[in-house]
Amino acid sequence: MNDDTVTLERLAHYLDSGRVPYDPSIEDVPENASQLATLERLRVLSGELLAEDAAADPDPDPRWISGVMERVRQEARSGRDIPLDSDGAATLHMTEGAVRGLIREAGDSVPGAVVISCSLGGDVSAADAPVRVEVVISALRGQYVPVMADEVREAVTLQLLRQTELDIEAVDIVVGDVHLLETGVAS
């Protein structure tokens, strides 16, 4: 590389700026101008490939989108009251929606896992009643799913033991989807 050659980063920045202001150290040096032209062609081809990929993907089924939105609406509700021990001076409780938030936070903390939905089965309003938790996740393609499911189960169980007074009978993990990390697109 001679002293007149500029870095790829500088060429990319110059191209991003729309080649304004004119930079003679790039435009008037043949080696740099050639690299700039190659970078510009690469960007055009990449854009075309992305556009072709996007056109090849079918539009999502509207029923799928409405199903996701319905799950979000259901989980956003506060739900049932879950009693907490108190000194008797006041009645304390945690909402089922808050517990679902704890479950989601714990499950999402496991690398490669994304919580799709979660539910609490059993009488959460009765102290010492057994509660069964179901967590539906999307798993990162290429990850060993049984290990990921065990890690989600452990994270959710620990979170619930630390933050609630629920009598957890079981934490069931259901893999409902697989996703790609780069795009976040489910398959």
N, C-alpha and C. Protein backbone atom coordinates (compact mmCIF):
# COMPACT_ATOMS: atom_id res chain seq x y z
N MET A 1 0.86 -1.19 0.00
CA MET A 1 0.00 0.00 0.00
C MET A 1 0.89 1.23 0.00
N ASN A 2 0.66 2.17 -0.92
CA ASN A 2 1.48 3.38 -0.95
C ASN A 2 0.90 4.43 -0.01
N ASP A 3 1.60 5.52 0.16
CA ASP A 3 1.21 6.57 1.10
C ASP A 3 -0.08 7.27 0.71
N ASP A 4 -0.48 7.19 -0.57
CA ASP A 4 -1.69 7.87 -1.04
C ASP A 4 -2.96 7.04 -0.83
N THR A 5 -2.82 5.75 -0.46
CA THR A 5 -3.97 4.88 -0.30
C THR A 5 -4.70 5.21 1.01
N VAL A 6 -6.03 5.28 0.93
CA VAL A 6 -6.83 5.58 2.13
C VAL A 6 -7.47 4.29 2.64
N THR A 7 -7.92 4.33 3.89
CA THR A 7 -8.50 3.14 4.51
C THR A 7 -9.90 2.88 3.97
N LEU A 8 -10.33 1.64 4.12
CA LEU A 8 -11.68 1.25 3.71
C LEU A 8 -12.71 2.03 4.53
N GLU A 9 -12.43 2.25 5.78
CA GLU A 9 -13.34 3.02 6.64
C GLU A 9 -13.53 4.44 6.11
N ARG A 10 -12.44 5.05 5.70
CA ARG A 10 -12.54 6.41 5.17
C ARG A 10 -13.31 6.42 3.85
N LEU A 11 -13.06 5.41 2.99
CA LEU A 11 -13.81 5.31 1.74
C LEU A 11 -15.31 5.14 2.01
N ALA A 12 -15.65 4.29 2.98
CA ALA A 12 -17.06 4.06 3.32
C ALA A 12 -17.69 5.34 3.84
N HIS A 13 -16.99 6.06 4.69
CA HIS A 13 -17.52 7.32 5.23
C HIS A 13 -17.74 8.33 4.10
N TYR A 14 -16.80 8.40 3.19
CA TYR A 14 -16.92 9.32 2.05
C TYR A 14 -18.11 8.94 1.18
N LEU A 15 -18.29 7.66 0.95
CA LEU A 15 -19.42 7.19 0.16
C LEU A 15 -20.74 7.47 0.90
N ASP A 16 -20.76 7.27 2.22
CA ASP A 16 -21.96 7.56 3.03
C ASP A 16 -22.34 9.04 2.96
N SER A 17 -21.34 9.90 2.83
CA SER A 17 -21.61 11.34 2.79
C SER A 17 -22.09 11.80 1.41
N GLY A 18 -22.24 10.84 0.49
CA GLY A 18 -22.68 11.20 -0.86
C GLY A 18 -21.55 11.79 -1.69
N ARG A 19 -20.30 11.52 -1.28
CA ARG A 19 -19.09 12.00 -1.96
C ARG A 19 -19.01 13.53 -1.91
N VAL A 20 -19.56 14.09 -0.82
CA VAL A 20 -19.55 15.53 -0.61
C VAL A 20 -18.96 15.80 0.75
N PRO A 21 -18.05 16.74 0.89
CA PRO A 21 -17.41 17.52 -0.16
C PRO A 21 -16.43 16.66 -0.96
N TYR A 22 -16.18 17.09 -2.15
CA TYR A 22 -15.26 16.39 -3.05
C TYR A 22 -13.91 16.22 -2.38
N ASP A 23 -13.39 14.98 -2.42
CA ASP A 23 -12.10 14.69 -1.78
C ASP A 23 -11.12 14.26 -2.86
N PRO A 24 -10.22 15.17 -3.25
CA PRO A 24 -9.27 14.84 -4.33
C PRO A 24 -8.32 13.70 -3.95
N SER A 25 -8.04 13.51 -2.65
CA SER A 25 -7.13 12.42 -2.27
C SER A 25 -7.78 11.06 -2.50
N ILE A 26 -9.09 11.04 -2.68
CA ILE A 26 -9.79 9.78 -3.01
C ILE A 26 -10.11 9.76 -4.50
N GLU A 27 -10.75 10.80 -5.00
CA GLU A 27 -11.23 10.83 -6.38
C GLU A 27 -10.11 10.91 -7.41
N ASP A 28 -8.99 11.59 -7.09
CA ASP A 28 -7.93 11.82 -8.07
C ASP A 28 -6.79 10.82 -7.98
N VAL A 29 -6.81 9.92 -7.00
CA VAL A 29 -5.77 8.89 -6.89
C VAL A 29 -6.37 7.61 -7.46
N PRO A 30 -5.85 7.11 -8.57
CA PRO A 30 -6.47 5.98 -9.27
C PRO A 30 -6.76 4.76 -8.35
N GLU A 31 -5.83 4.40 -7.50
CA GLU A 31 -6.03 3.25 -6.62
C GLU A 31 -7.22 3.47 -5.69
N ASN A 32 -7.32 4.69 -5.13
CA ASN A 32 -8.42 5.00 -4.23
C ASN A 32 -9.75 5.08 -4.98
N ALA A 33 -9.73 5.69 -6.15
CA ALA A 33 -10.94 5.82 -6.96
C ALA A 33 -11.45 4.43 -7.36
N SER A 34 -10.55 3.52 -7.67
CA SER A 34 -10.92 2.16 -8.04
C SER A 34 -11.56 1.44 -6.85
N GLN A 35 -10.97 1.60 -5.66
CA GLN A 35 -11.54 0.97 -4.46
C GLN A 35 -12.90 1.57 -4.13
N LEU A 36 -13.03 2.87 -4.33
CA LEU A 36 -14.31 3.53 -4.08
C LEU A 36 -15.37 3.00 -5.03
N ALA A 37 -15.03 2.84 -6.30
CA ALA A 37 -15.98 2.32 -7.29
C ALA A 37 -16.38 0.88 -6.95
N THR A 38 -15.43 0.07 -6.50
CA THR A 38 -15.72 -1.31 -6.10
C THR A 38 -16.66 -1.33 -4.90
N LEU A 39 -16.39 -0.49 -3.92
CA LEU A 39 -17.23 -0.42 -2.73
C LEU A 39 -18.65 0.02 -3.10
N GLU A 40 -18.74 0.97 -4.02
CA GLU A 40 -20.05 1.46 -4.46
C GLU A 40 -20.83 0.35 -5.18
N ARG A 41 -20.17 -0.43 -6.04
CA ARG A 41 -20.81 -1.54 -6.74
C ARG A 41 -21.27 -2.61 -5.74
N LEU A 42 -20.43 -2.88 -4.76
CA LEU A 42 -20.77 -3.86 -3.73
C LEU A 42 -22.02 -3.45 -2.97
N ARG A 43 -22.12 -2.18 -2.64
CA ARG A 43 -23.31 -1.69 -1.94
C ARG A 43 -24.56 -1.83 -2.79
N VAL A 44 -24.45 -1.52 -4.08
CA VAL A 44 -25.60 -1.63 -4.98
C VAL A 44 -26.04 -3.09 -5.08
N LEU A 45 -25.08 -4.01 -5.28
CA LEU A 45 -25.40 -5.42 -5.38
C LEU A 45 -26.00 -5.95 -4.08
N SER A 46 -25.46 -5.54 -2.94
CA SER A 46 -25.99 -5.97 -1.65
C SER A 46 -27.43 -5.51 -1.49
N GLY A 47 -27.69 -4.27 -1.87
CA GLY A 47 -29.05 -3.74 -1.79
C GLY A 47 -30.02 -4.52 -2.67
N GLU A 48 -29.55 -4.88 -3.87
CA GLU A 48 -30.39 -5.65 -4.78
C GLU A 48 -30.68 -7.04 -4.21
N LEU A 49 -29.66 -7.68 -3.62
CA LEU A 49 -29.86 -8.99 -3.02
C LEU A 49 -30.85 -8.93 -1.86
N LEU A 50 -30.73 -7.90 -1.05
CA LEU A 50 -31.66 -7.74 0.07
C LEU A 50 -33.09 -7.53 -0.44
N ALA A 51 -33.21 -6.73 -1.49
CA ALA A 51 -34.54 -6.47 -2.05
C ALA A 51 -35.13 -7.76 -2.63
N GLU A 52 -34.30 -8.58 -3.29
CA GLU A 52 -34.78 -9.86 -3.83
C GLU A 52 -35.21 -10.79 -2.70
N ASP A 53 -34.42 -10.86 -1.63
CA ASP A 53 -34.78 -11.70 -0.49
C ASP A 53 -36.09 -11.24 0.13
N ALA A 54 -36.25 -9.94 0.28
CA ALA A 54 -37.48 -9.41 0.87
C ALA A 54 -38.68 -9.71 -0.02
N ALA A 55 -38.50 -9.60 -1.33
CA ALA A 55 -39.60 -9.87 -2.25
C ALA A 55 -39.96 -11.35 -2.26
N ALA A 56 -38.99 -12.23 -2.02
CA ALA A 56 -39.23 -13.67 -2.03
C ALA A 56 -39.96 -14.14 -0.78
N ASP A 57 -39.82 -13.42 0.33
CA ASP A 57 -40.50 -13.80 1.57
C ASP A 57 -41.97 -13.45 1.47
N PRO A 58 -42.83 -14.39 1.81
CA PRO A 58 -44.26 -14.07 1.77
C PRO A 58 -44.62 -13.12 2.91
N ASP A 59 -45.69 -12.36 2.68
CA ASP A 59 -46.18 -11.48 3.74
C ASP A 59 -46.68 -12.35 4.89
N PRO A 60 -46.48 -11.89 6.14
CA PRO A 60 -46.96 -12.69 7.27
C PRO A 60 -48.49 -12.81 7.23
N ASP A 61 -48.96 -13.96 7.67
CA ASP A 61 -50.39 -14.22 7.75
C ASP A 61 -51.01 -13.26 8.76
N PRO A 62 -52.03 -12.49 8.37
CA PRO A 62 -52.66 -11.54 9.30
C PRO A 62 -53.17 -12.22 10.57
N ARG A 63 -53.57 -13.50 10.46
CA ARG A 63 -54.04 -14.22 11.66
C ARG A 63 -52.90 -14.41 12.64
N TRP A 64 -51.67 -14.61 12.12
CA TRP A 64 -50.51 -14.77 13.00
C TRP A 64 -50.27 -13.46 13.76
N ILE A 65 -50.31 -12.34 13.06
CA ILE A 65 -50.08 -11.05 13.69
C ILE A 65 -51.16 -10.77 14.73
N SER A 66 -52.42 -11.03 14.39
CA SER A 66 -53.48 -10.78 15.38
C SER A 66 -53.35 -11.72 16.56
N GLY A 67 -52.87 -12.95 16.35
CA GLY A 67 -52.64 -13.88 17.45
C GLY A 67 -51.57 -13.38 18.41
N VAL A 68 -50.50 -12.84 17.84
CA VAL A 68 -49.43 -12.27 18.67
C VAL A 68 -49.97 -11.09 19.48
N MET A 69 -50.72 -10.23 18.82
CA MET A 69 -51.27 -9.06 19.50
C MET A 69 -52.25 -9.47 20.61
N GLU A 70 -53.02 -10.53 20.38
CA GLU A 70 -53.95 -11.01 21.40
C GLU A 70 -53.18 -11.53 22.62
N ARG A 71 -52.07 -12.26 22.39
CA ARG A 71 -51.24 -12.73 23.52
C ARG A 71 -50.67 -11.55 24.29
N VAL A 72 -50.24 -10.52 23.58
CA VAL A 72 -49.70 -9.33 24.24
C VAL A 72 -50.77 -8.67 25.09
N ARG A 73 -51.98 -8.54 24.54
CA ARG A 73 -53.09 -7.94 25.30
C ARG A 73 -53.41 -8.75 26.55
N GLN A 74 -53.43 -10.07 26.41
CA GLN A 74 -53.74 -10.93 27.55
C GLN A 74 -52.67 -10.81 28.64
N GLU A 75 -51.41 -10.80 28.23
CA GLU A 75 -50.34 -10.73 29.21
C GLU A 75 -50.20 -9.35 29.82
N ALA A 76 -50.69 -8.33 29.15
CA ALA A 76 -50.59 -6.97 29.67
C ALA A 76 -51.61 -6.72 30.79
N ARG A 77 -52.68 -7.53 30.83
CA ARG A 77 -53.67 -7.36 31.90
C ARG A 77 -53.03 -7.70 33.24
N SER A 78 -53.52 -7.06 34.29
CA SER A 78 -52.95 -7.32 35.62
C SER A 78 -53.32 -8.72 36.10
N GLY A 79 -54.46 -9.24 35.75
CA GLY A 79 -54.83 -10.59 36.11
C GLY A 79 -55.19 -10.74 37.58
N ARG A 80 -55.04 -11.95 38.08
CA ARG A 80 -55.42 -12.27 39.46
C ARG A 80 -54.45 -11.65 40.46
N ASP A 81 -54.94 -11.43 41.67
CA ASP A 81 -54.09 -10.96 42.77
C ASP A 81 -53.45 -12.16 43.45
N ILE A 82 -52.17 -12.07 43.70
CA ILE A 82 -51.42 -13.13 44.38
C ILE A 82 -51.03 -12.58 45.75
N PRO A 83 -51.55 -13.17 46.84
CA PRO A 83 -51.28 -12.63 48.17
C PRO A 83 -49.81 -12.79 48.57
N LEU A 84 -49.35 -11.82 49.37
CA LEU A 84 -48.01 -11.87 49.94
C LEU A 84 -48.16 -11.83 51.46
N ASP A 85 -47.24 -12.47 52.17
CA ASP A 85 -47.27 -12.39 53.63
C ASP A 85 -47.12 -10.94 54.06
N SER A 86 -47.87 -10.56 55.09
CA SER A 86 -47.76 -9.21 55.61
C SER A 86 -47.85 -9.26 57.12
N ASP A 87 -47.56 -8.15 57.76
CA ASP A 87 -47.58 -8.09 59.23
C ASP A 87 -49.00 -7.94 59.77
N GLY A 88 -49.99 -7.97 58.92
CA GLY A 88 -51.38 -7.86 59.35
C GLY A 88 -51.93 -6.45 59.28
N ALA A 89 -51.07 -5.46 59.21
CA ALA A 89 -51.52 -4.07 59.17
C ALA A 89 -52.08 -3.71 57.80
N ALA A 90 -51.64 -4.41 56.78
CA ALA A 90 -52.10 -4.12 55.43
C ALA A 90 -52.15 -5.42 54.64
N THR A 91 -52.96 -5.42 53.63
CA THR A 91 -53.02 -6.57 52.73
C THR A 91 -52.09 -6.29 51.57
N LEU A 92 -51.16 -7.20 51.35
CA LEU A 92 -50.21 -7.04 50.25
C LEU A 92 -50.48 -8.11 49.21
N HIS A 93 -50.34 -7.72 47.95
CA HIS A 93 -50.47 -8.69 46.88
C HIS A 93 -49.62 -8.25 45.69
N MET A 94 -49.37 -9.20 44.82
CA MET A 94 -48.66 -8.97 43.57
C MET A 94 -49.62 -9.41 42.48
N THR A 95 -49.66 -8.69 41.39
CA THR A 95 -50.58 -9.09 40.32
C THR A 95 -49.96 -10.20 39.47
N GLU A 96 -50.84 -10.96 38.86
CA GLU A 96 -50.39 -12.02 37.96
C GLU A 96 -49.59 -11.44 36.80
N GLY A 97 -49.98 -10.25 36.34
CA GLY A 97 -49.23 -9.59 35.26
C GLY A 97 -47.80 -9.28 35.67
N ALA A 98 -47.60 -8.87 36.93
CA ALA A 98 -46.24 -8.61 37.42
C ALA A 98 -45.42 -9.89 37.45
N VAL A 99 -46.05 -10.99 37.84
CA VAL A 99 -45.34 -12.28 37.87
C VAL A 99 -44.99 -12.72 36.45
N ARG A 100 -45.91 -12.52 35.50
CA ARG A 100 -45.59 -12.85 34.10
C ARG A 100 -44.41 -12.00 33.61
N GLY A 101 -44.34 -10.75 34.06
CA GLY A 101 -43.19 -9.91 33.70
C GLY A 101 -41.89 -10.47 34.26
N LEU A 102 -41.92 -10.98 35.48
CA LEU A 102 -40.73 -11.61 36.08
C LEU A 102 -40.32 -12.85 35.28
N ILE A 103 -41.31 -13.64 34.88
CA ILE A 103 -41.03 -14.85 34.11
C ILE A 103 -40.40 -14.48 32.77
N ARG A 104 -40.98 -13.51 32.10
CA ARG A 104 -40.47 -13.07 30.79
C ARG A 104 -39.04 -12.55 30.93
N GLU A 105 -38.78 -11.74 31.94
CA GLU A 105 -37.44 -11.20 32.16
C GLU A 105 -36.43 -12.31 32.39
N ALA A 106 -36.78 -13.29 33.21
CA ALA A 106 -35.87 -14.40 33.50
C ALA A 106 -35.61 -15.24 32.25
N GLY A 107 -36.67 -15.57 31.51
CA GLY A 107 -36.51 -16.39 30.31
C GLY A 107 -35.71 -15.68 29.23
N ASP A 108 -35.99 -14.40 29.04
CA ASP A 108 -35.27 -13.62 28.02
C ASP A 108 -33.80 -13.42 28.38
N SER A 109 -33.44 -13.61 29.64
CA SER A 109 -32.04 -13.43 30.05
C SER A 109 -31.16 -14.59 29.62
N VAL A 110 -31.75 -15.70 29.21
CA VAL A 110 -30.98 -16.86 28.76
C VAL A 110 -30.57 -16.62 27.32
N PRO A 111 -29.26 -16.67 27.03
CA PRO A 111 -28.79 -16.42 25.66
C PRO A 111 -29.46 -17.35 24.65
N GLY A 112 -30.03 -16.74 23.60
CA GLY A 112 -30.65 -17.50 22.53
C GLY A 112 -32.13 -17.76 22.73
N ALA A 113 -32.67 -17.49 23.92
CA ALA A 113 -34.09 -17.75 24.19
C ALA A 113 -34.87 -16.44 24.17
N VAL A 114 -36.07 -16.50 23.62
CA VAL A 114 -36.99 -15.37 23.63
C VAL A 114 -38.34 -15.91 24.11
N VAL A 115 -38.88 -15.33 25.17
CA VAL A 115 -40.17 -15.78 25.69
C VAL A 115 -41.28 -15.28 24.77
N ILE A 116 -42.09 -16.21 24.28
CA ILE A 116 -43.23 -15.87 23.44
C ILE A 116 -44.44 -15.60 24.32
N SER A 117 -44.70 -16.49 25.26
CA SER A 117 -45.81 -16.30 26.19
C SER A 117 -45.55 -17.11 27.45
N CYS A 118 -46.32 -16.80 28.48
CA CYS A 118 -46.21 -17.54 29.74
C CYS A 118 -47.55 -17.52 30.45
N SER A 119 -47.78 -18.54 31.26
CA SER A 119 -49.04 -18.61 31.99
C SER A 119 -48.83 -19.29 33.33
N LEU A 120 -49.75 -18.99 34.27
CA LEU A 120 -49.72 -19.58 35.60
C LEU A 120 -50.97 -20.44 35.75
N GLY A 121 -50.77 -21.71 36.06
CA GLY A 121 -51.90 -22.61 36.27
C GLY A 121 -52.04 -22.94 37.74
N GLY A 122 -53.26 -22.97 38.20
CA GLY A 122 -53.52 -23.27 39.60
C GLY A 122 -54.15 -22.08 40.28
N ASP A 123 -54.45 -22.24 41.57
CA ASP A 123 -55.10 -21.18 42.33
C ASP A 123 -54.04 -20.28 42.95
N VAL A 124 -53.62 -19.27 42.21
CA VAL A 124 -52.56 -18.37 42.71
C VAL A 124 -53.05 -17.49 43.86
N SER A 125 -54.35 -17.40 44.04
CA SER A 125 -54.87 -16.54 45.10
C SER A 125 -54.91 -17.24 46.46
N ALA A 126 -54.63 -18.55 46.48
CA ALA A 126 -54.61 -19.29 47.74
C ALA A 126 -53.16 -19.55 48.16
N ALA A 127 -52.82 -19.14 49.38
CA ALA A 127 -51.46 -19.38 49.88
C ALA A 127 -51.18 -20.88 49.91
N ASP A 128 -50.00 -21.26 49.56
CA ASP A 128 -49.53 -22.65 49.58
C ASP A 128 -50.20 -23.56 48.55
N ALA A 129 -51.00 -23.02 47.65
CA ALA A 129 -51.58 -23.85 46.58
C ALA A 129 -50.51 -24.06 45.51
N PRO A 130 -50.35 -25.28 45.01
CA PRO A 130 -49.33 -25.52 43.99
C PRO A 130 -49.67 -24.79 42.69
N VAL A 131 -48.64 -24.24 42.08
CA VAL A 131 -48.79 -23.48 40.84
C VAL A 131 -47.87 -24.10 39.79
N ARG A 132 -48.43 -24.26 38.61
CA ARG A 132 -47.66 -24.78 37.48
C ARG A 132 -47.46 -23.64 36.49
N VAL A 133 -46.22 -23.44 36.08
CA VAL A 133 -45.88 -22.35 35.17
C VAL A 133 -45.56 -22.95 33.80
N GLU A 134 -46.12 -22.35 32.75
CA GLU A 134 -45.78 -22.76 31.38
C GLU A 134 -45.15 -21.57 30.68
N VAL A 135 -43.97 -21.80 30.10
CA VAL A 135 -43.26 -20.76 29.37
C VAL A 135 -43.03 -21.26 27.94
N VAL A 136 -43.56 -20.52 26.98
CA VAL A 136 -43.36 -20.86 25.56
C VAL A 136 -42.25 -19.95 25.04
N ILE A 137 -41.20 -20.57 24.48
CA ILE A 137 -40.05 -19.79 24.00
C ILE A 137 -39.82 -20.01 22.51
N SER A 138 -39.07 -19.08 21.95
CA SER A 138 -38.48 -19.23 20.63
C SER A 138 -37.00 -19.45 20.87
N ALA A 139 -36.44 -20.48 20.25
CA ALA A 139 -35.03 -20.84 20.47
C ALA A 139 -34.19 -20.43 19.27
N LEU A 140 -32.99 -19.99 19.55
CA LEU A 140 -32.05 -19.61 18.49
C LEU A 140 -31.64 -20.84 17.70
N ARG A 141 -31.81 -20.76 16.39
CA ARG A 141 -31.40 -21.86 15.53
C ARG A 141 -29.91 -22.13 15.73
N GLY A 142 -29.58 -23.41 15.87
CA GLY A 142 -28.19 -23.81 16.05
C GLY A 142 -27.82 -24.06 17.50
N GLN A 143 -28.65 -23.62 18.43
CA GLN A 143 -28.41 -23.87 19.85
C GLN A 143 -28.98 -25.25 20.19
N TYR A 144 -28.37 -25.91 21.17
CA TYR A 144 -28.88 -27.19 21.62
C TYR A 144 -30.09 -26.92 22.51
N VAL A 145 -31.27 -27.20 22.00
CA VAL A 145 -32.52 -26.79 22.63
C VAL A 145 -32.73 -27.38 24.03
N PRO A 146 -32.44 -28.67 24.28
CA PRO A 146 -32.67 -29.20 25.63
C PRO A 146 -31.89 -28.43 26.72
N VAL A 147 -30.67 -28.06 26.43
CA VAL A 147 -29.87 -27.30 27.40
C VAL A 147 -30.47 -25.91 27.59
N MET A 148 -30.87 -25.27 26.49
CA MET A 148 -31.48 -23.95 26.57
C MET A 148 -32.77 -24.00 27.39
N ALA A 149 -33.58 -25.02 27.15
CA ALA A 149 -34.84 -25.15 27.89
C ALA A 149 -34.57 -25.34 29.39
N ASP A 150 -33.56 -26.14 29.72
CA ASP A 150 -33.20 -26.32 31.14
C ASP A 150 -32.73 -25.00 31.76
N GLU A 151 -31.96 -24.22 31.00
CA GLU A 151 -31.47 -22.93 31.51
C GLU A 151 -32.64 -21.96 31.73
N VAL A 152 -33.61 -21.96 30.82
CA VAL A 152 -34.79 -21.10 30.98
C VAL A 152 -35.57 -21.56 32.22
N ARG A 153 -35.78 -22.87 32.36
CA ARG A 153 -36.51 -23.40 33.52
C ARG A 153 -35.82 -22.98 34.82
N GLU A 154 -34.51 -23.11 34.87
CA GLU A 154 -33.76 -22.74 36.08
C GLU A 154 -33.86 -21.24 36.35
N ALA A 155 -33.70 -20.42 35.32
CA ALA A 155 -33.76 -18.96 35.50
C ALA A 155 -35.13 -18.53 35.99
N VAL A 156 -36.19 -19.10 35.42
CA VAL A 156 -37.55 -18.74 35.82
C VAL A 156 -37.82 -19.19 37.25
N THR A 157 -37.42 -20.42 37.56
CA THR A 157 -37.64 -20.94 38.91
C THR A 157 -36.93 -20.08 39.95
N LEU A 158 -35.67 -19.76 39.72
CA LEU A 158 -34.92 -18.93 40.67
C LEU A 158 -35.55 -17.55 40.83
N GLN A 159 -35.96 -16.96 39.73
CA GLN A 159 -36.59 -15.63 39.78
C GLN A 159 -37.88 -15.67 40.61
N LEU A 160 -38.69 -16.70 40.39
CA LEU A 160 -39.95 -16.80 41.13
C LEU A 160 -39.72 -17.09 42.61
N LEU A 161 -38.72 -17.90 42.92
CA LEU A 161 -38.40 -18.18 44.33
C LEU A 161 -37.89 -16.93 45.04
N ARG A 162 -37.12 -16.12 44.34
CA ARG A 162 -36.58 -14.88 44.93
C ARG A 162 -37.63 -13.79 45.08
N GLN A 163 -38.53 -13.69 44.10
CA GLN A 163 -39.41 -12.53 44.02
C GLN A 163 -40.85 -12.77 44.46
N THR A 164 -41.26 -14.02 44.59
CA THR A 164 -42.66 -14.30 44.95
C THR A 164 -42.71 -15.31 46.09
N GLU A 165 -43.91 -15.56 46.55
CA GLU A 165 -44.13 -16.59 47.58
C GLU A 165 -44.95 -17.74 47.02
N LEU A 166 -44.94 -17.89 45.69
CA LEU A 166 -45.69 -18.96 45.05
C LEU A 166 -45.07 -20.32 45.37
N ASP A 167 -45.92 -21.34 45.49
CA ASP A 167 -45.49 -22.72 45.67
C ASP A 167 -45.40 -23.33 44.27
N ILE A 168 -44.20 -23.29 43.69
CA ILE A 168 -43.99 -23.71 42.31
C ILE A 168 -43.94 -25.23 42.24
N GLU A 169 -44.95 -25.81 41.61
CA GLU A 169 -45.01 -27.26 41.42
C GLU A 169 -44.10 -27.68 40.26
N ALA A 170 -44.15 -26.91 39.17
CA ALA A 170 -43.34 -27.23 37.99
C ALA A 170 -43.24 -26.01 37.10
N VAL A 171 -42.14 -25.95 36.33
CA VAL A 171 -41.98 -24.94 35.28
C VAL A 171 -41.80 -25.72 33.99
N ASP A 172 -42.83 -25.68 33.15
CA ASP A 172 -42.82 -26.40 31.88
C ASP A 172 -42.36 -25.46 30.78
N ILE A 173 -41.41 -25.92 29.97
CA ILE A 173 -40.89 -25.13 28.85
C ILE A 173 -41.37 -25.76 27.55
N VAL A 174 -41.97 -24.95 26.70
CA VAL A 174 -42.43 -25.39 25.39
C VAL A 174 -41.68 -24.58 24.34
N VAL A 175 -41.02 -25.27 23.40
CA VAL A 175 -40.35 -24.56 22.31
C VAL A 175 -41.38 -24.42 21.19
N GLY A 176 -41.87 -23.20 21.05
CA GLY A 176 -42.93 -22.94 20.08
C GLY A 176 -42.44 -22.39 18.76
N ASP A 177 -41.14 -22.06 18.69
CA ASP A 177 -40.62 -21.44 17.48
C ASP A 177 -39.10 -21.52 17.50
N VAL A 178 -38.50 -21.28 16.35
CA VAL A 178 -37.05 -21.19 16.20
C VAL A 178 -36.78 -19.90 15.45
N HIS A 179 -35.77 -19.14 15.89
CA HIS A 179 -35.48 -17.88 15.21
C HIS A 179 -34.01 -17.79 14.84
N LEU A 180 -33.70 -16.85 13.96
CA LEU A 180 -32.34 -16.57 13.53
C LEU A 180 -31.85 -15.34 14.25
N LEU A 181 -30.64 -15.36 14.76
CA LEU A 181 -30.10 -14.23 15.53
C LEU A 181 -29.92 -12.99 14.67
N GLU A 182 -29.38 -13.16 13.46
CA GLU A 182 -29.03 -12.00 12.64
C GLU A 182 -30.25 -11.14 12.31
N THR A 183 -31.37 -11.77 12.03
CA THR A 183 -32.52 -11.00 11.58
C THR A 183 -33.65 -10.97 12.58
N GLY A 184 -33.61 -11.89 13.56
CA GLY A 184 -34.70 -11.97 14.52
C GLY A 184 -35.98 -12.54 13.90
N VAL A 185 -35.85 -13.11 12.67
CA VAL A 185 -37.00 -13.62 11.96
C VAL A 185 -37.24 -15.06 12.40
N ALA A 186 -38.45 -15.37 12.75
CA ALA A 186 -38.79 -16.74 13.13
C ALA A 186 -38.91 -17.60 11.90
N SER A 187 -38.69 -18.88 12.08
CA SER A 187 -38.84 -19.79 10.94
C SER A 187 -39.83 -20.86 11.25
